[in-house]
PDB file of all heavy atoms in Angstrom:
ATOM      1  N   VAL A   1      85.373 109.014 100.518  1.00  0.00           N
ATOM      2  CA  VAL A   1      86.703 108.715 101.019  1.00  0.00           C
ATOM      3  C   VAL A   1      87.605 108.469  99.816  1.00  0.00           C
ATOM      4  O   VAL A   1      87.164 107.928  98.795  1.00  0.00           O
ATOM      5  CB  VAL A   1      86.689 107.508 101.983  1.00  0.00           C
ATOM      6  CG1 VAL A   1      86.228 106.241 101.276  1.00  0.00           C
ATOM      7  CG2 VAL A   1      88.067 107.314 102.604  1.00  0.00           C
ATOM      8  N   TYR A   2      88.865 108.879  99.937  1.00  0.00           N
ATOM      9  CA  TYR A   2      89.811 108.784  98.842  1.00  0.00           C
ATOM     10  C   TYR A   2      91.018 107.951  99.238  1.00  0.00           C
ATOM     11  O   TYR A   2      91.375 107.856 100.407  1.00  0.00           O
ATOM     12  CB  TYR A   2      90.310 110.171  98.428  1.00  0.00           C
ATOM     13  CG  TYR A   2      89.224 111.139  98.057  1.00  0.00           C
ATOM     14  CD1 TYR A   2      88.721 112.035  98.993  1.00  0.00           C
ATOM     15  CD2 TYR A   2      88.701 111.168  96.769  1.00  0.00           C
ATOM     16  CE1 TYR A   2      87.728 112.934  98.655  1.00  0.00           C
ATOM     17  CE2 TYR A   2      87.705 112.062  96.425  1.00  0.00           C
ATOM     18  CZ  TYR A   2      87.220 112.942  97.367  1.00  0.00           C
ATOM     19  OH  TYR A   2      86.236 113.835  97.031  1.00  0.00           O
ATOM     20  N   LEU A   3      91.645 107.375  98.243  1.00  0.00           N
ATOM     21  CA  LEU A   3      92.934 106.735  98.424  1.00  0.00           C
ATOM     22  C   LEU A   3      93.852 107.225  97.317  1.00  0.00           C
ATOM     23  O   LEU A   3      93.701 106.829  96.158  1.00  0.00           O
ATOM     24  CB  LEU A   3      92.829 105.210  98.384  1.00  0.00           C
ATOM     25  CG  LEU A   3      94.128 104.464  98.692  1.00  0.00           C
ATOM     26  CD1 LEU A   3      94.529 104.660 100.157  1.00  0.00           C
ATOM     27  CD2 LEU A   3      93.992 102.979  98.377  1.00  0.00           C
ATOM     28  N   GLN A   4      94.771 108.101  97.679  1.00  0.00           N
ATOM     29  CA  GLN A   4      95.768 108.585  96.738  1.00  0.00           C
ATOM     30  C   GLN A   4      96.933 107.613  96.737  1.00  0.00           C
ATOM     31  O   GLN A   4      97.550 107.382  97.777  1.00  0.00           O
ATOM     32  CB  GLN A   4      96.240 109.983  97.125  1.00  0.00           C
ATOM     33  CG  GLN A   4      97.326 110.550  96.225  1.00  0.00           C
ATOM     34  CD  GLN A   4      96.832 110.820  94.826  1.00  0.00           C
ATOM     35  OE1 GLN A   4      95.783 111.409  94.637  1.00  0.00           O
ATOM     36  NE2 GLN A   4      97.603 110.384  93.831  1.00  0.00           N
ATOM     37  N   MET A   5      97.252 107.067  95.577  1.00  0.00           N
ATOM     38  CA  MET A   5      98.288 106.058  95.446  1.00  0.00           C
ATOM     39  C   MET A   5      99.391 106.602  94.553  1.00  0.00           C
ATOM     40  O   MET A   5      99.174 106.855  93.363  1.00  0.00           O
ATOM     41  CB  MET A   5      97.722 104.760  94.870  1.00  0.00           C
ATOM     42  CG  MET A   5      96.543 104.205  95.666  1.00  0.00           C
ATOM     43  SD  MET A   5      95.970 102.607  95.027  1.00  0.00           S
ATOM     44  CE  MET A   5      95.364 103.114  93.422  1.00  0.00           C
ATOM     45  N   ASN A   6     100.566 106.771  95.122  1.00  0.00           N
ATOM     46  CA  ASN A   6     101.725 107.258  94.392  1.00  0.00           C
ATOM     47  C   ASN A   6     102.806 106.188  94.353  1.00  0.00           C
ATOM     48  O   ASN A   6     102.794 105.241  95.133  1.00  0.00           O
ATOM     49  CB  ASN A   6     102.284 108.522  95.050  1.00  0.00           C
ATOM     50  CG  ASN A   6     101.307 109.673  95.060  1.00  0.00           C
ATOM     51  OD1 ASN A   6     100.512 109.831  94.137  1.00  0.00           O
ATOM     52  ND2 ASN A   6     101.373 110.501  96.087  1.00  0.00           N
ATOM     53  N   SER A   7     103.751 106.365  93.448  1.00  0.00           N
ATOM     54  CA  SER A   7     104.872 105.432  93.309  1.00  0.00           C
ATOM     55  C   SER A   7     104.394 103.992  93.235  1.00  0.00           C
ATOM     56  O   SER A   7     104.906 103.108  93.922  1.00  0.00           O
ATOM     57  CB  SER A   7     105.851 105.613  94.475  1.00  0.00           C
ATOM     58  OG  SER A   7     106.341 106.939  94.524  1.00  0.00           O
ATOM     59  N   LEU A   8     103.425 103.759  92.393  1.00  0.00           N
ATOM     60  CA  LEU A   8     102.812 102.440  92.305  1.00  0.00           C
ATOM     61  C   LEU A   8     103.795 101.393  91.804  1.00  0.00           C
ATOM     62  O   LEU A   8     104.651 101.668  90.959  1.00  0.00           O
ATOM     63  CB  LEU A   8     101.591 102.489  91.401  1.00  0.00           C
ATOM     64  CG  LEU A   8     100.354 103.117  92.054  1.00  0.00           C
ATOM     65  CD1 LEU A   8      99.339 103.516  91.004  1.00  0.00           C
ATOM     66  CD2 LEU A   8      99.738 102.139  93.050  1.00  0.00           C
ATOM     67  N   LYS A   9     103.643 100.190  92.333  1.00  0.00           N
ATOM     68  CA  LYS A   9     104.475  99.053  91.990  1.00  0.00           C
ATOM     69  C   LYS A   9     103.615  97.939  91.421  1.00  0.00           C
ATOM     70  O   LYS A   9     102.424  97.869  91.715  1.00  0.00           O
ATOM     71  CB  LYS A   9     105.203  98.537  93.237  1.00  0.00           C
ATOM     72  CG  LYS A   9     106.017  99.583  93.976  1.00  0.00           C
ATOM     73  CD  LYS A   9     106.586  99.007  95.268  1.00  0.00           C
ATOM     74  CE  LYS A   9     107.382 100.043  96.023  1.00  0.00           C
ATOM     75  NZ  LYS A   9     107.921  99.484  97.293  1.00  0.00           N
ATOM     76  N   PRO A  10     104.196  97.048  90.620  1.00  0.00           N
ATOM     77  CA  PRO A  10     103.412  95.927  90.095  1.00  0.00           C
ATOM     78  C   PRO A  10     102.728  95.116  91.194  1.00  0.00           C
ATOM     79  O   PRO A  10     101.624  94.600  90.970  1.00  0.00           O
ATOM     80  CB  PRO A  10     104.453  95.094  89.347  1.00  0.00           C
ATOM     81  CG  PRO A  10     105.455  96.097  88.889  1.00  0.00           C
ATOM     82  CD  PRO A  10     105.547  97.086  90.020  1.00  0.00           C
ATOM     83  N   GLU A  11     103.339  94.994  92.349  1.00  0.00           N
ATOM     84  CA  GLU A  11     102.743  94.243  93.437  1.00  0.00           C
ATOM     85  C   GLU A  11     101.526  94.925  94.055  1.00  0.00           C
ATOM     86  O   GLU A  11     100.846  94.337  94.895  1.00  0.00           O
ATOM     87  CB  GLU A  11     103.773  93.931  94.531  1.00  0.00           C
ATOM     88  CG  GLU A  11     104.573  95.140  94.974  1.00  0.00           C
ATOM     89  CD  GLU A  11     105.917  95.246  94.282  1.00  0.00           C
ATOM     90  OE1 GLU A  11     105.963  95.074  93.042  1.00  0.00           O
ATOM     91  OE2 GLU A  11     106.926  95.495  94.975  1.00  0.00           O
ATOM     92  N   ASP A  12     101.248  96.164  93.657  1.00  0.00           N
ATOM     93  CA  ASP A  12     100.032  96.840  94.084  1.00  0.00           C
ATOM     94  C   ASP A  12      98.823  96.413  93.262  1.00  0.00           C
ATOM     95  O   ASP A  12      97.693  96.796  93.589  1.00  0.00           O
ATOM     96  CB  ASP A  12     100.188  98.353  93.985  1.00  0.00           C
ATOM     97  CG  ASP A  12     101.227  98.903  94.948  1.00  0.00           C
ATOM     98  OD1 ASP A  12     101.277  98.441  96.103  1.00  0.00           O
ATOM     99  OD2 ASP A  12     101.982  99.809  94.543  1.00  0.00           O
ATOM    100  N   THR A  13      99.039  95.660  92.206  1.00  0.00           N
ATOM    101  CA  THR A  13      97.946  95.209  91.356  1.00  0.00           C
ATOM    102  C   THR A  13      96.965  94.361  92.150  1.00  0.00           C
ATOM    103  O   THR A  13      97.347  93.370  92.775  1.00  0.00           O
ATOM    104  CB  THR A  13      98.490  94.409  90.168  1.00  0.00           C
ATOM    105  OG1 THR A  13      99.290  95.264  89.350  1.00  0.00           O
ATOM    106  CG2 THR A  13      97.349  93.842  89.341  1.00  0.00           C
ATOM    107  N   ALA A  14      95.704  94.756  92.138  1.00  0.00           N
ATOM    108  CA  ALA A  14      94.677  94.070  92.912  1.00  0.00           C
ATOM    109  C   ALA A  14      93.334  94.735  92.652  1.00  0.00           C
ATOM    110  O   ALA A  14      93.260  95.797  92.030  1.00  0.00           O
ATOM    111  CB  ALA A  14      94.997  94.119  94.409  1.00  0.00           C
ATOM    112  N   ILE A  15      92.290  94.099  93.144  1.00  0.00           N
ATOM    113  CA  ILE A  15      90.999  94.760  93.236  1.00  0.00           C
ATOM    114  C   ILE A  15      90.959  95.486  94.571  1.00  0.00           C
ATOM    115  O   ILE A  15      91.225  94.891  95.615  1.00  0.00           O
ATOM    116  CB  ILE A  15      89.833  93.765  93.136  1.00  0.00           C
ATOM    117  CG1 ILE A  15      89.881  93.031  91.799  1.00  0.00           C
ATOM    118  CG2 ILE A  15      88.509  94.484  93.285  1.00  0.00           C
ATOM    119  CD1 ILE A  15      88.834  91.943  91.663  1.00  0.00           C
ATOM    120  N   TYR A  16      90.623  96.753  94.533  1.00  0.00           N
ATOM    121  CA  TYR A  16      90.583  97.575  95.732  1.00  0.00           C
ATOM    122  C   TYR A  16      89.139  97.797  96.157  1.00  0.00           C
ATOM    123  O   TYR A  16      88.291  98.173  95.354  1.00  0.00           O
ATOM    124  CB  TYR A  16      91.274  98.917  95.484  1.00  0.00           C
ATOM    125  CG  TYR A  16      92.779  98.816  95.481  1.00  0.00           C
ATOM    126  CD1 TYR A  16      93.441  98.191  94.430  1.00  0.00           C
ATOM    127  CD2 TYR A  16      93.532  99.331  96.532  1.00  0.00           C
ATOM    128  CE1 TYR A  16      94.821  98.068  94.430  1.00  0.00           C
ATOM    129  CE2 TYR A  16      94.912  99.222  96.539  1.00  0.00           C
ATOM    130  CZ  TYR A  16      95.556  98.593  95.491  1.00  0.00           C
ATOM    131  OH  TYR A  16      96.920  98.480  95.485  1.00  0.00           O
ATOM    132  N   TYR A  17      88.885  97.578  97.438  1.00  0.00           N
ATOM    133  CA  TYR A  17      87.554  97.704  98.007  1.00  0.00           C
ATOM    134  C   TYR A  17      87.546  98.757  99.106  1.00  0.00           C
ATOM    135  O   TYR A  17      88.469  98.807  99.920  1.00  0.00           O
ATOM    136  CB  TYR A  17      87.091  96.390  98.629  1.00  0.00           C
ATOM    137  CG  TYR A  17      87.034  95.222  97.686  1.00  0.00           C
ATOM    138  CD1 TYR A  17      88.135  94.400  97.497  1.00  0.00           C
ATOM    139  CD2 TYR A  17      85.864  94.922  96.995  1.00  0.00           C
ATOM    140  CE1 TYR A  17      88.083  93.315  96.638  1.00  0.00           C
ATOM    141  CE2 TYR A  17      85.802  93.837  96.142  1.00  0.00           C
ATOM    142  CZ  TYR A  17      86.912  93.037  95.968  1.00  0.00           C
ATOM    143  OH  TYR A  17      86.849  91.961  95.123  1.00  0.00           O
ATOM    144  N   CYS A  18      86.511  99.558  99.150  1.00  0.00           N
ATOM    145  CA  CYS A  18      86.319 100.406 100.310  1.00  0.00           C
ATOM    146  C   CYS A  18      85.263  99.783 101.205  1.00  0.00           C
ATOM    147  O   CYS A  18      84.411  99.009 100.757  1.00  0.00           O
ATOM    148  CB  CYS A  18      85.946 101.848  99.927  1.00  0.00           C
ATOM    149  SG  CYS A  18      84.296 102.074  99.244  1.00  0.00           S
ATOM    150  N   ALA A  19      85.326 100.115 102.481  1.00  0.00           N
ATOM    151  CA  ALA A  19      84.430  99.525 103.460  1.00  0.00           C
ATOM    152  C   ALA A  19      84.160 100.516 104.583  1.00  0.00           C
ATOM    153  O   ALA A  19      84.963 101.414 104.841  1.00  0.00           O
ATOM    154  CB  ALA A  19      85.042  98.237 104.023  1.00  0.00           C
ATOM    155  N   ALA A  20      83.021 100.334 105.255  1.00  0.00           N
ATOM    156  CA  ALA A  20      82.600 101.210 106.339  1.00  0.00           C
ATOM    157  C   ALA A  20      82.309 100.401 107.591  1.00  0.00           C
ATOM    158  O   ALA A  20      81.788  99.290 107.515  1.00  0.00           O
ATOM    159  CB  ALA A  20      81.363 102.005 105.923  1.00  0.00           C
ATOM    160  N   ARG A  21      82.628 100.970 108.735  1.00  0.00           N
ATOM    161  CA  ARG A  21      82.382 100.308 110.013  1.00  0.00           C
ATOM    162  C   ARG A  21      81.992 101.316 111.088  1.00  0.00           C
ATOM    163  O   ARG A  21      82.394 102.477 111.036  1.00  0.00           O
ATOM    164  CB  ARG A  21      83.620  99.537 110.470  1.00  0.00           C
ATOM    165  CG  ARG A  21      84.843 100.411 110.700  1.00  0.00           C
ATOM    166  CD  ARG A  21      86.008  99.616 111.286  1.00  0.00           C
ATOM    167  NE  ARG A  21      87.225 100.417 111.329  1.00  0.00           N
ATOM    168  CZ  ARG A  21      87.565 101.215 112.330  1.00  0.00           C
ATOM    169  NH1 ARG A  21      86.766 101.337 113.395  1.00  0.00           N
ATOM    170  NH2 ARG A  21      88.691 101.911 112.275  1.00  0.00           N
ATOM    171  N   ASN A  22      81.225 100.842 112.055  1.00  0.00           N
ATOM    172  CA  ASN A  22      80.873 101.657 113.213  1.00  0.00           C
ATOM    173  C   ASN A  22      81.800 101.420 114.396  1.00  0.00           C
ATOM    174  O   ASN A  22      81.964 102.286 115.241  1.00  0.00           O
ATOM    175  CB  ASN A  22      79.435 101.377 113.656  1.00  0.00           C
ATOM    176  CG  ASN A  22      78.411 102.079 112.803  1.00  0.00           C
ATOM    177  OD1 ASN A  22      78.590 103.240 112.427  1.00  0.00           O
ATOM    178  ND2 ASN A  22      77.316 101.387 112.514  1.00  0.00           N
ATOM    179  N   SER A  23      82.366 100.229 114.464  1.00  0.00           N
ATOM    180  CA  SER A  23      83.223  99.871 115.582  1.00  0.00           C
ATOM    181  C   SER A  23      84.110  98.714 115.179  1.00  0.00           C
ATOM    182  O   SER A  23      83.923  98.105 114.122  1.00  0.00           O
ATOM    183  CB  SER A  23      82.393  99.497 116.817  1.00  0.00           C
ATOM    184  OG  SER A  23      81.591  98.358 116.552  1.00  0.00           O
ATOM    185  N   GLY A  24      85.065  98.397 116.035  1.00  0.00           N
ATOM    186  CA  GLY A  24      85.953  97.278 115.805  1.00  0.00           C
ATOM    187  C   GLY A  24      87.341  97.723 115.403  1.00  0.00           C
ATOM    188  O   GLY A  24      87.684  98.902 115.430  1.00  0.00           O
ATOM    189  N   SER A  25      88.144  96.751 115.009  1.00  0.00           N
ATOM    190  CA  SER A  25      89.522  97.006 114.619  1.00  0.00           C
ATOM    191  C   SER A  25      89.587  97.494 113.183  1.00  0.00           C
ATOM    192  O   SER A  25      88.953  96.928 112.295  1.00  0.00           O
ATOM    193  CB  SER A  25      90.358  95.747 114.786  1.00  0.00           C
ATOM    194  OG  SER A  25      90.362  95.305 116.133  1.00  0.00           O
ATOM    195  N   TYR A  26      90.384  98.497 112.956  1.00  0.00           N
ATOM    196  CA  TYR A  26      90.468  99.098 111.636  1.00  0.00           C
ATOM    197  C   TYR A  26      91.064  98.162 110.603  1.00  0.00           C
ATOM    198  O   TYR A  26      90.841  98.340 109.405  1.00  0.00           O
ATOM    199  CB  TYR A  26      91.286 100.396 111.695  1.00  0.00           C
ATOM    200  CG  TYR A  26      92.748 100.193 112.048  1.00  0.00           C
ATOM    201  CD1 TYR A  26      93.682  99.910 111.059  1.00  0.00           C
ATOM    202  CD2 TYR A  26      93.192 100.298 113.353  1.00  0.00           C
ATOM    203  CE1 TYR A  26      95.017  99.719 111.367  1.00  0.00           C
ATOM    204  CE2 TYR A  26      94.517 100.115 113.680  1.00  0.00           C
ATOM    205  CZ  TYR A  26      95.432  99.819 112.682  1.00  0.00           C
ATOM    206  OH  TYR A  26      96.749  99.638 113.001  1.00  0.00           O
ATOM    207  N   TYR A  27      91.851  97.185 111.046  1.00  0.00           N
ATOM    208  CA  TYR A  27      92.593  96.319 110.147  1.00  0.00           C
ATOM    209  C   TYR A  27      91.910  94.985 109.879  1.00  0.00           C
ATOM    210  O   TYR A  27      92.422  94.188 109.088  1.00  0.00           O
ATOM    211  CB  TYR A  27      93.992  96.050 110.705  1.00  0.00           C
ATOM    212  CG  TYR A  27      93.992  95.512 112.114  1.00  0.00           C
ATOM    213  CD1 TYR A  27      93.849  94.159 112.355  1.00  0.00           C
ATOM    214  CD2 TYR A  27      94.122  96.373 113.203  1.00  0.00           C
ATOM    215  CE1 TYR A  27      93.827  93.672 113.651  1.00  0.00           C
ATOM    216  CE2 TYR A  27      94.110  95.904 114.499  1.00  0.00           C
ATOM    217  CZ  TYR A  27      93.963  94.544 114.722  1.00  0.00           C
ATOM    218  OH  TYR A  27      93.947  94.064 116.006  1.00  0.00           O
TER     219      TYR A  27
END
């Protein structure tokens, strides 16, 4: 899975994690 990030801002600074699920709320 990919995350293309354009027009990056300083507030985007963070540790980014990917995760997998079988069910439930996406958020």
